[in-house]
Every structure is written in structure tokens, then in C-alpha cells.
Amino acid sequence: MKRPRVLLADDHVMLLEALAHVDSRRFDIVGTAHDGWTLVEMANKHHPDVIVLDISMPNLKWNRRGSYSQKKKVSSRKLVFSDNTW
């Protein structure tokens, strides 16, 4: 069975590295991003099945409906959102 291709995005480097280590056992991690612009670039380059991201990252804007409002569209089929507001 094909493992899902996952892109991880968070501006907290330690959390991003921990997620990549844990998730790599079940998923193929295709890349990581530290801000919204890099997220869009990586998503369009690698076409992941799932994107796990922190919606409060720099350079990442969401409208009230949860739609991504950058100029380029993300081509992923699924988005999983997390918010690290501690």
C-alpha cells in the first residue's frame, strides 16, 4: 500500500523536527516549510497528499471560511490544520 505523502509546515523549528521524526514512520515526508511563502512553493513542487500546518505561521493568511488567500493555489487534496497558541 502506498504511504501518504506529507508536507509539514510550522514556524517552530523544534516542533517541526519532532513531527518529521514521528510522522516519518507512517508517512513519506516530502518537505518542511517555516512560513507561508515556502509552504506554497513546496506544495506546488511536491504535490503532497496531506499538508499539516500551523495556521498562525508568518506570511500565511486565512479568511473566515478557512480558505488560503495567497496568490498561488496549493494543489494538495487535503489540509490538516493545527494552531500552536500556547
PDB file of N, CA and C in Angstrom:
ATOM      1  N   MET A   1       0.830  -1.182   0.000  1.00  0.00           N
ATOM      2  CA  MET A   1       0.000   0.000   0.000  1.00  0.00           C
ATOM      3  C   MET A   1       0.882   1.257   0.000  1.00  0.00           C
ATOM      4  N   LYS A   2       0.518   2.211  -0.800  1.00  0.00           N
ATOM      5  CA  LYS A   2       1.272   3.455  -0.921  1.00  0.00           C
ATOM      6  C   LYS A   2       1.099   4.308   0.337  1.00  0.00           C
ATOM      7  N   ARG A   3       2.220   4.786   0.877  1.00  0.00           N
ATOM      8  CA  ARG A   3       2.170   5.653   2.050  1.00  0.00           C
ATOM      9  C   ARG A   3       1.833   7.077   1.619  1.00  0.00           C
ATOM     10  N   PRO A   4       0.998   7.781   2.399  1.00  0.00           N
ATOM     11  CA  PRO A   4       0.648   9.161   2.055  1.00  0.00           C
ATOM     12  C   PRO A   4       1.884  10.070   2.070  1.00  0.00           C
ATOM     13  N   ARG A   5       1.916  10.999   1.110  1.00  0.00           N
ATOM     14  CA  ARG A   5       2.994  11.987   1.014  1.00  0.00           C
ATOM     15  C   ARG A   5       2.563  13.220   1.800  1.00  0.00           C
ATOM     16  N   VAL A   6       3.377  13.623   2.784  1.00  0.00           N
ATOM     17  CA  VAL A   6       3.000  14.683   3.719  1.00  0.00           C
ATOM     18  C   VAL A   6       4.001  15.826   3.674  1.00  0.00           C
ATOM     19  N   LEU A   7       3.466  17.047   3.678  1.00  0.00           N
ATOM     20  CA  LEU A   7       4.264  18.262   3.805  1.00  0.00           C
ATOM     21  C   LEU A   7       3.958  18.852   5.173  1.00  0.00           C
ATOM     22  N   LEU A   8       5.003  19.135   5.955  1.00  0.00           N
ATOM     23  CA  LEU A   8       4.848  19.719   7.283  1.00  0.00           C
ATOM     24  C   LEU A   8       5.231  21.187   7.252  1.00  0.00           C
ATOM     25  N   ALA A   9       4.435  22.027   7.937  1.00  0.00           N
ATOM     26  CA  ALA A   9       4.726  23.458   7.951  1.00  0.00           C
ATOM     27  C   ALA A   9       4.444  24.032   9.335  1.00  0.00           C
ATOM     28  N   ASP A  10       5.487  24.627   9.925  1.00  0.00           N
ATOM     29  CA  ASP A  10       5.367  25.277  11.226  1.00  0.00           C
ATOM     30  C   ASP A  10       6.556  26.201  11.400  1.00  0.00           C
ATOM     31  N   ASP A  11       6.354  27.332  12.061  1.00  0.00           N
ATOM     32  CA  ASP A  11       7.456  28.259  12.267  1.00  0.00           C
ATOM     33  C   ASP A  11       8.255  27.941  13.535  1.00  0.00           C
ATOM     34  N   HIS A  12       7.849  26.953  14.298  1.00  0.00           N
ATOM     35  CA  HIS A  12       8.599  26.493  15.466  1.00  0.00           C
ATOM     36  C   HIS A  12       9.463  25.311  15.035  1.00  0.00           C
ATOM     37  N   VAL A  13      10.755  25.551  14.879  1.00  0.00           N
ATOM     38  CA  VAL A  13      11.669  24.571  14.292  1.00  0.00           C
ATOM     39  C   VAL A  13      11.709  23.273  15.089  1.00  0.00           C
ATOM     40  N   MET A  14      11.749  23.358  16.413  1.00  0.00           N
ATOM     41  CA  MET A  14      11.826  22.139  17.226  1.00  0.00           C
ATOM     42  C   MET A  14      10.585  21.266  17.052  1.00  0.00           C
ATOM     43  N   LEU A  15       9.416  21.883  17.001  1.00  0.00           N
ATOM     44  CA  LEU A  15       8.179  21.134  16.788  1.00  0.00           C
ATOM     45  C   LEU A  15       8.169  20.507  15.398  1.00  0.00           C
ATOM     46  N   LEU A  16       8.611  21.257  14.412  1.00  0.00           N
ATOM     47  CA  LEU A  16       8.655  20.762  13.037  1.00  0.00           C
ATOM     48  C   LEU A  16       9.567  19.539  12.929  1.00  0.00           C
ATOM     49  N   GLU A  17      10.736  19.606  13.553  1.00  0.00           N
ATOM     50  CA  GLU A  17      11.670  18.479  13.521  1.00  0.00           C
ATOM     51  C   GLU A  17      11.094  17.261  14.250  1.00  0.00           C
ATOM     52  N   ALA A  18      10.410  17.488  15.377  1.00  0.00           N
ATOM     53  CA  ALA A  18       9.800  16.380  16.114  1.00  0.00           C
ATOM     54  C   ALA A  18       8.698  15.721  15.294  1.00  0.00           C
ATOM     55  N   LEU A  19       7.856  16.530  14.649  1.00  0.00           N
ATOM     56  CA  LEU A  19       6.797  15.977  13.803  1.00  0.00           C
ATOM     57  C   LEU A  19       7.376  15.169  12.652  1.00  0.00           C
ATOM     58  N   ALA A  20       8.417  15.677  12.035  1.00  0.00           N
ATOM     59  CA  ALA A  20       9.038  14.964  10.917  1.00  0.00           C
ATOM     60  C   ALA A  20       9.582  13.619  11.370  1.00  0.00           C
ATOM     61  N   HIS A  21      10.160  13.564  12.544  1.00  0.00           N
ATOM     62  CA  HIS A  21      10.717  12.308  13.059  1.00  0.00           C
ATOM     63  C   HIS A  21       9.606  11.299  13.375  1.00  0.00           C
ATOM     64  N   VAL A  22       8.575  11.734  14.068  1.00  0.00           N
ATOM     65  CA  VAL A  22       7.477  10.838  14.455  1.00  0.00           C
ATOM     66  C   VAL A  22       6.683  10.391  13.237  1.00  0.00           C
ATOM     67  N   ASP A  23       6.331  11.335  12.376  1.00  0.00           N
ATOM     68  CA  ASP A  23       5.482  11.026  11.229  1.00  0.00           C
ATOM     69  C   ASP A  23       6.177  10.207  10.154  1.00  0.00           C
ATOM     70  N   SER A  24       7.501  10.222  10.112  1.00  0.00           N
ATOM     71  CA  SER A  24       8.207   9.513   9.041  1.00  0.00           C
ATOM     72  C   SER A  24       8.053   8.000   9.145  1.00  0.00           C
ATOM     73  N   ARG A  25       7.556   7.501  10.262  1.00  0.00           N
ATOM     74  CA  ARG A  25       7.332   6.068  10.406  1.00  0.00           C
ATOM     75  C   ARG A  25       6.094   5.609   9.646  1.00  0.00           C
ATOM     76  N   ARG A  26       5.125   6.503   9.497  1.00  0.00           N
ATOM     77  CA  ARG A  26       3.861   6.151   8.833  1.00  0.00           C
ATOM     78  C   ARG A  26       3.673   6.823   7.474  1.00  0.00           C
ATOM     79  N   PHE A  27       4.387   7.918   7.255  1.00  0.00           N
ATOM     80  CA  PHE A  27       4.180   8.733   6.058  1.00  0.00           C
ATOM     81  C   PHE A  27       5.503   9.026   5.380  1.00  0.00           C
ATOM     82  N   ASP A  28       5.453   9.371   4.109  1.00  0.00           N
ATOM     83  CA  ASP A  28       6.624   9.884   3.408  1.00  0.00           C
ATOM     84  C   ASP A  28       6.604  11.399   3.539  1.00  0.00           C
ATOM     85  N   ILE A  29       7.544  11.945   4.289  1.00  0.00           N
ATOM     86  CA  ILE A  29       7.634  13.392   4.468  1.00  0.00           C
ATOM     87  C   ILE A  29       8.333  13.960   3.234  1.00  0.00           C
ATOM     88  N   VAL A  30       7.603  14.749   2.441  1.00  0.00           N
ATOM     89  CA  VAL A  30       8.170  15.281   1.196  1.00  0.00           C
ATOM     90  C   VAL A  30       8.854  16.623   1.400  1.00  0.00           C
ATOM     91  N   GLY A  31       8.634  17.264   2.545  1.00  0.00           N
ATOM     92  CA  GLY A  31       9.295  18.530   2.801  1.00  0.00           C
ATOM     93  C   GLY A  31       8.766  19.209   4.051  1.00  0.00           C
ATOM     94  N   THR A  32       9.459  20.285   4.420  1.00  0.00           N
ATOM     95  CA  THR A  32       9.051  21.098   5.558  1.00  0.00           C
ATOM     96  C   THR A  32       9.122  22.567   5.155  1.00  0.00           C
ATOM     97  N   ALA A  33       8.293  23.375   5.781  1.00  0.00           N
ATOM     98  CA  ALA A  33       8.264  24.810   5.496  1.00  0.00           C
ATOM     99  C   ALA A  33       8.157  25.575   6.806  1.00  0.00           C
ATOM    100  N   HIS A  34       8.802  26.755   6.862  1.00  0.00           N
ATOM    101  CA  HIS A  34       8.804  27.580   8.067  1.00  0.00           C
ATOM    102  C   HIS A  34       7.931  28.815   7.956  1.00  0.00           C
ATOM    103  N   ASP A  35       7.359  29.074   6.767  1.00  0.00           N
ATOM    104  CA  ASP A  35       6.455  30.213   6.592  1.00  0.00           C
ATOM    105  C   ASP A  35       5.509  29.940   5.428  1.00  0.00           C
ATOM    106  N   GLY A  36       4.540  30.834   5.258  1.00  0.00           N
ATOM    107  CA  GLY A  36       3.513  30.633   4.243  1.00  0.00           C
ATOM    108  C   GLY A  36       4.027  30.611   2.812  1.00  0.00           C
ATOM    109  N   TRP A  37       4.983  31.472   2.505  1.00  0.00           N
ATOM    110  CA  TRP A  37       5.503  31.515   1.131  1.00  0.00           C
ATOM    111  C   TRP A  37       6.218  30.215   0.786  1.00  0.00           C
ATOM    112  N   THR A  38       7.026  29.702   1.724  1.00  0.00           N
ATOM    113  CA  THR A  38       7.727  28.447   1.498  1.00  0.00           C
ATOM    114  C   THR A  38       6.732  27.296   1.403  1.00  0.00           C
ATOM    115  N   LEU A  39       5.674  27.341   2.197  1.00  0.00           N
ATOM    116  CA  LEU A  39       4.631  26.319   2.147  1.00  0.00           C
ATOM    117  C   LEU A  39       4.028  26.210   0.750  1.00  0.00           C
ATOM    118  N   VAL A  40       3.657  27.333   0.177  1.00  0.00           N
ATOM    119  CA  VAL A  40       3.061  27.327  -1.168  1.00  0.00           C
ATOM    120  C   VAL A  40       4.051  26.789  -2.193  1.00  0.00           C
ATOM    121  N   GLU A  41       5.295  27.243  -2.114  1.00  0.00           N
ATOM    122  CA  GLU A  41       6.329  26.789  -3.045  1.00  0.00           C
ATOM    123  C   GLU A  41       6.537  25.273  -2.944  1.00  0.00           C
ATOM    124  N   MET A  42       6.661  24.770  -1.712  1.00  0.00           N
ATOM    125  CA  MET A  42       6.889  23.337  -1.508  1.00  0.00           C
ATOM    126  C   MET A  42       5.673  22.507  -1.928  1.00  0.00           C
ATOM    127  N   ALA A  43       4.471  23.003  -1.635  1.00  0.00           N
ATOM    128  CA  ALA A  43       3.255  22.272  -2.002  1.00  0.00           C
ATOM    129  C   ALA A  43       3.114  22.148  -3.515  1.00  0.00           C
ATOM    130  N   ASN A  44       3.399  23.217  -4.233  1.00  0.00           N
ATOM    131  CA  ASN A  44       3.300  23.175  -5.691  1.00  0.00           C
ATOM    132  C   ASN A  44       4.430  22.370  -6.319  1.00  0.00           C
ATOM    133  N   LYS A  45       5.547  22.259  -5.630  1.00  0.00           N
ATOM    134  CA  LYS A  45       6.675  21.478  -6.145  1.00  0.00           C
ATOM    135  C   LYS A  45       6.488  19.979  -5.903  1.00  0.00           C
ATOM    136  N   HIS A  46       6.016  19.607  -4.694  1.00  0.00           N
ATOM    137  CA  HIS A  46       5.966  18.203  -4.302  1.00  0.00           C
ATOM    138  C   HIS A  46       4.586  17.552  -4.399  1.00  0.00           C
ATOM    139  N   HIS A  47       3.526  18.342  -4.521  1.00  0.00           N
ATOM    140  CA  HIS A  47       2.153  17.826  -4.629  1.00  0.00           C
ATOM    141  C   HIS A  47       1.837  16.777  -3.557  1.00  0.00           C
ATOM    142  N   PRO A  48       1.912  17.175  -2.274  1.00  0.00           N
ATOM    143  CA  PRO A  48       1.650  16.203  -1.201  1.00  0.00           C
ATOM    144  C   PRO A  48       0.181  15.807  -1.155  1.00  0.00           C
ATOM    145  N   ASP A  49      -0.075  14.651  -0.557  1.00  0.00           N
ATOM    146  CA  ASP A  49      -1.452  14.222  -0.329  1.00  0.00           C
ATOM    147  C   ASP A  49      -2.066  14.991   0.839  1.00  0.00           C
ATOM    148  N   VAL A  50      -1.232  15.286   1.850  1.00  0.00           N
ATOM    149  CA  VAL A  50      -1.690  15.957   3.068  1.00  0.00           C
ATOM    150  C   VAL A  50      -0.688  17.030   3.451  1.00  0.00           C
ATOM    151  N   ILE A  51      -1.205  18.159   3.918  1.00  0.00           N
ATOM    152  CA  ILE A  51      -0.362  19.217   4.470  1.00  0.00           C
ATOM    153  C   ILE A  51      -0.772  19.410   5.922  1.00  0.00           C
ATOM    154  N   VAL A  52       0.192  19.285   6.828  1.00  0.00           N
ATOM    155  CA  VAL A  52      -0.043  19.552   8.243  1.00  0.00           C
ATOM    156  C   VAL A  52       0.619  20.891   8.527  1.00  0.00           C
ATOM    157  N   LEU A  53      -0.181  21.868   8.966  1.00  0.00           N
ATOM    158  CA  LEU A  53       0.383  23.196   9.132  1.00  0.00           C
ATOM    159  C   LEU A  53      -0.180  23.937  10.329  1.00  0.00           C
ATOM    160  N   ASP A  54       0.598  24.891  10.772  1.00  0.00           N
ATOM    161  CA  ASP A  54       0.213  25.819  11.825  1.00  0.00           C
ATOM    162  C   ASP A  54      -0.379  27.039  11.131  1.00  0.00           C
ATOM    163  N   ILE A  55      -1.652  27.309  11.355  1.00  0.00           N
ATOM    164  CA  ILE A  55      -2.315  28.401  10.628  1.00  0.00           C
ATOM    165  C   ILE A  55      -1.892  29.785  11.111  1.00  0.00           C
ATOM    166  N   SER A  56      -1.074  29.844  12.168  1.00  0.00           N
ATOM    167  CA  SER A  56      -0.612  31.153  12.639  1.00  0.00           C
ATOM    168  C   SER A  56       0.829  31.435  12.225  1.00  0.00           C
ATOM    169  N   MET A  57       1.327  30.741  11.193  1.00  0.00           N
ATOM    170  CA  MET A  57       2.689  30.975  10.702  1.00  0.00           C
ATOM    171  C   MET A  57       2.811  32.327  10.018  1.00  0.00           C
ATOM    172  N   PRO A  58       4.037  32.890   9.974  1.00  0.00           N
ATOM    173  CA  PRO A  58       4.254  34.128   9.225  1.00  0.00           C
ATOM    174  C   PRO A  58       3.952  33.938   7.733  1.00  0.00           C
ATOM    175  N   ASN A  59       3.478  34.994   7.098  1.00  0.00           N
ATOM    176  CA  ASN A  59       3.183  35.020   5.663  1.00  0.00           C
ATOM    177  C   ASN A  59       2.123  34.010   5.249  1.00  0.00           C
ATOM    178  N   LEU A  60       1.182  33.746   6.128  1.00  0.00           N
ATOM    179  CA  LEU A  60       0.102  32.815   5.838  1.00  0.00           C
ATOM    180  C   LEU A  60      -1.202  33.477   6.257  1.00  0.00           C
ATOM    181  N   LYS A  61      -2.098  33.696   5.308  1.00  0.00           N
ATOM    182  CA  LYS A  61      -3.354  34.378   5.582  1.00  0.00           C
ATOM    183  C   LYS A  61      -4.527  33.450   5.289  1.00  0.00           C
ATOM    184  N   TRP A  62      -5.497  33.399   6.199  1.00  0.00           N
ATOM    185  CA  TRP A  62      -6.700  32.587   6.041  1.00  0.00           C
ATOM    186  C   TRP A  62      -7.900  33.483   6.209  1.00  0.00           C
ATOM    187  N   ASN A  63      -8.920  33.273   5.396  1.00  0.00           N
ATOM    188  CA  ASN A  63     -10.150  34.041   5.594  1.00  0.00           C
ATOM    189  C   ASN A  63     -11.059  33.294   6.561  1.00  0.00           C
ATOM    190  N   ARG A  64     -12.216  33.833   6.848  1.00  0.00           N
ATOM    191  CA  ARG A  64     -13.109  33.244   7.842  1.00  0.00           C
ATOM    192  C   ARG A  64     -13.550  31.831   7.484  1.00  0.00           C
ATOM    193  N   ARG A  65     -13.570  31.480   6.237  1.00  0.00           N
ATOM    194  CA  ARG A  65     -14.013  30.152   5.799  1.00  0.00           C
ATOM    195  C   ARG A  65     -12.862  29.158   5.764  1.00  0.00           C
ATOM    196  N   GLY A  66     -11.653  29.582   6.110  1.00  0.00           N
ATOM    197  CA  GLY A  66     -10.514  28.671   6.122  1.00  0.00           C
ATOM    198  C   GLY A  66      -9.813  28.546   4.793  1.00  0.00           C
ATOM    199  N   SER A  67     -10.170  29.377   3.830  1.00  0.00           N
ATOM    200  CA  SER A  67      -9.538  29.310   2.518  1.00  0.00           C
ATOM    201  C   SER A  67      -8.198  30.027   2.538  1.00  0.00           C
ATOM    202  N   TYR A  68      -7.244  29.468   1.817  1.00  0.00           N
ATOM    203  CA  TYR A  68      -5.924  30.066   1.717  1.00  0.00           C
ATOM    204  C   TYR A  68      -5.989  31.258   0.786  1.00  0.00           C
ATOM    205  N   SER A  69      -5.425  32.380   1.188  1.00  0.00           N
ATOM    206  CA  SER A  69      -5.565  33.602   0.400  1.00  0.00           C
ATOM    207  C   SER A  69      -4.262  34.083  -0.223  1.00  0.00           C
ATOM    208  N   GLN A  70      -3.273  33.202  -0.385  1.00  0.00           N
ATOM    209  CA  GLN A  70      -2.055  33.599  -1.085  1.00  0.00           C
ATOM    210  C   GLN A  70      -2.360  33.683  -2.584  1.00  0.00           C
ATOM    211  N   LYS A  71      -1.448  34.244  -3.339  1.00  0.00           N
ATOM    212  CA  LYS A  71      -1.670  34.400  -4.779  1.00  0.00           C
ATOM    213  C   LYS A  71      -1.653  33.068  -5.518  1.00  0.00           C
ATOM    214  N   LYS A  72      -0.821  32.129  -5.067  1.00  0.00           N
ATOM    215  CA  LYS A  72      -0.743  30.820  -5.722  1.00  0.00           C
ATOM    216  C   LYS A  72      -1.627  29.842  -4.976  1.00  0.00           C
ATOM    217  N   LYS A  73      -2.239  28.923  -5.694  1.00  0.00           N
ATOM    218  CA  LYS A  73      -3.089  27.916  -5.061  1.00  0.00           C
ATOM    219  C   LYS A  73      -2.255  26.703  -4.669  1.00  0.00           C
ATOM    220  N   VAL A  74      -2.599  26.128  -3.537  1.00  0.00           N
ATOM    221  CA  VAL A  74      -1.957  24.909  -3.077  1.00  0.00           C
ATOM    222  C   VAL A  74      -2.676  23.737  -3.724  1.00  0.00           C
ATOM    223  N   SER A  75      -1.921  22.817  -4.313  1.00  0.00           N
ATOM    224  CA  SER A  75      -2.519  21.745  -5.094  1.00  0.00           C
ATOM    225  C   SER A  75      -2.799  20.477  -4.285  1.00  0.00           C
ATOM    226  N   SER A  76      -2.651  20.523  -2.973  1.00  0.00           N
ATOM    227  CA  SER A  76      -2.897  19.351  -2.137  1.00  0.00           C
ATOM    228  C   SER A  76      -4.380  19.022  -2.091  1.00  0.00           C
ATOM    229  N   ARG A  77      -4.684  17.728  -1.980  1.00  0.00           N
ATOM    230  CA  ARG A  77      -6.080  17.307  -1.889  1.00  0.00           C
ATOM    231  C   ARG A  77      -6.656  17.498  -0.496  1.00  0.00           C
ATOM    232  N   LYS A  78      -5.824  17.458   0.543  1.00  0.00           N
ATOM    233  CA  LYS A  78      -6.308  17.568   1.905  1.00  0.00           C
ATOM    234  C   LYS A  78      -5.419  18.512   2.693  1.00  0.00           C
ATOM    235  N   LEU A  79      -6.027  19.247   3.603  1.00  0.00           N
ATOM    236  CA  LEU A  79      -5.274  20.107   4.511  1.00  0.00           C
ATOM    237  C   LEU A  79      -5.677  19.762   5.935  1.00  0.00           C
ATOM    238  N   VAL A  80      -4.699  19.645   6.809  1.00  0.00           N
ATOM    239  CA  VAL A  80      -4.970  19.406   8.220  1.00  0.00           C
ATOM    240  C   VAL A  80      -4.396  20.602   8.965  1.00  0.00           C
ATOM    241  N   PHE A  81      -5.222  21.270   9.756  1.00  0.00           N
ATOM    242  CA  PHE A  81      -4.801  22.499  10.419  1.00  0.00           C
ATOM    243  C   PHE A  81      -4.460  22.276  11.890  1.00  0.00           C
ATOM    244  N   SER A  82      -3.459  22.966  12.358  1.00  0.00           N
ATOM    245  CA  SER A  82      -3.161  22.987  13.782  1.00  0.00           C
ATOM    246  C   SER A  82      -2.878  24.429  14.173  1.00  0.00           C
ATOM    247  N   ASP A  83      -3.073  24.744  15.427  1.00  0.00           N
ATOM    248  CA  ASP A  83      -2.807  26.097  15.896  1.00  0.00           C
ATOM    249  C   ASP A  83      -2.053  25.996  17.204  1.00  0.00           C
ATOM    250  N   ASN A  84      -0.819  26.500  17.206  1.00  0.00           N
ATOM    251  CA  ASN A  84       0.034  26.410  18.383  1.00  0.00           C
ATOM    252  C   ASN A  84       0.017  27.715  19.169  1.00  0.00           C
ATOM    253  N   THR A  85      -1.075  28.053  19.757  1.00  0.00           N
ATOM    254  CA  THR A  85      -1.158  29.263  20.568  1.00  0.00           C
ATOM    255  C   THR A  85      -1.135  28.872  22.032  1.00  0.00           C
ATOM    256  N   TRP A  86       0.051  28.826  22.602  1.00  0.00           N
ATOM    257  CA  TRP A  86       0.191  28.409  23.986  1.00  0.00           C
ATOM    258  C   TRP A  86       0.331  29.612  24.857  1.00  0.00           C
TER     259      TRP A  86
END
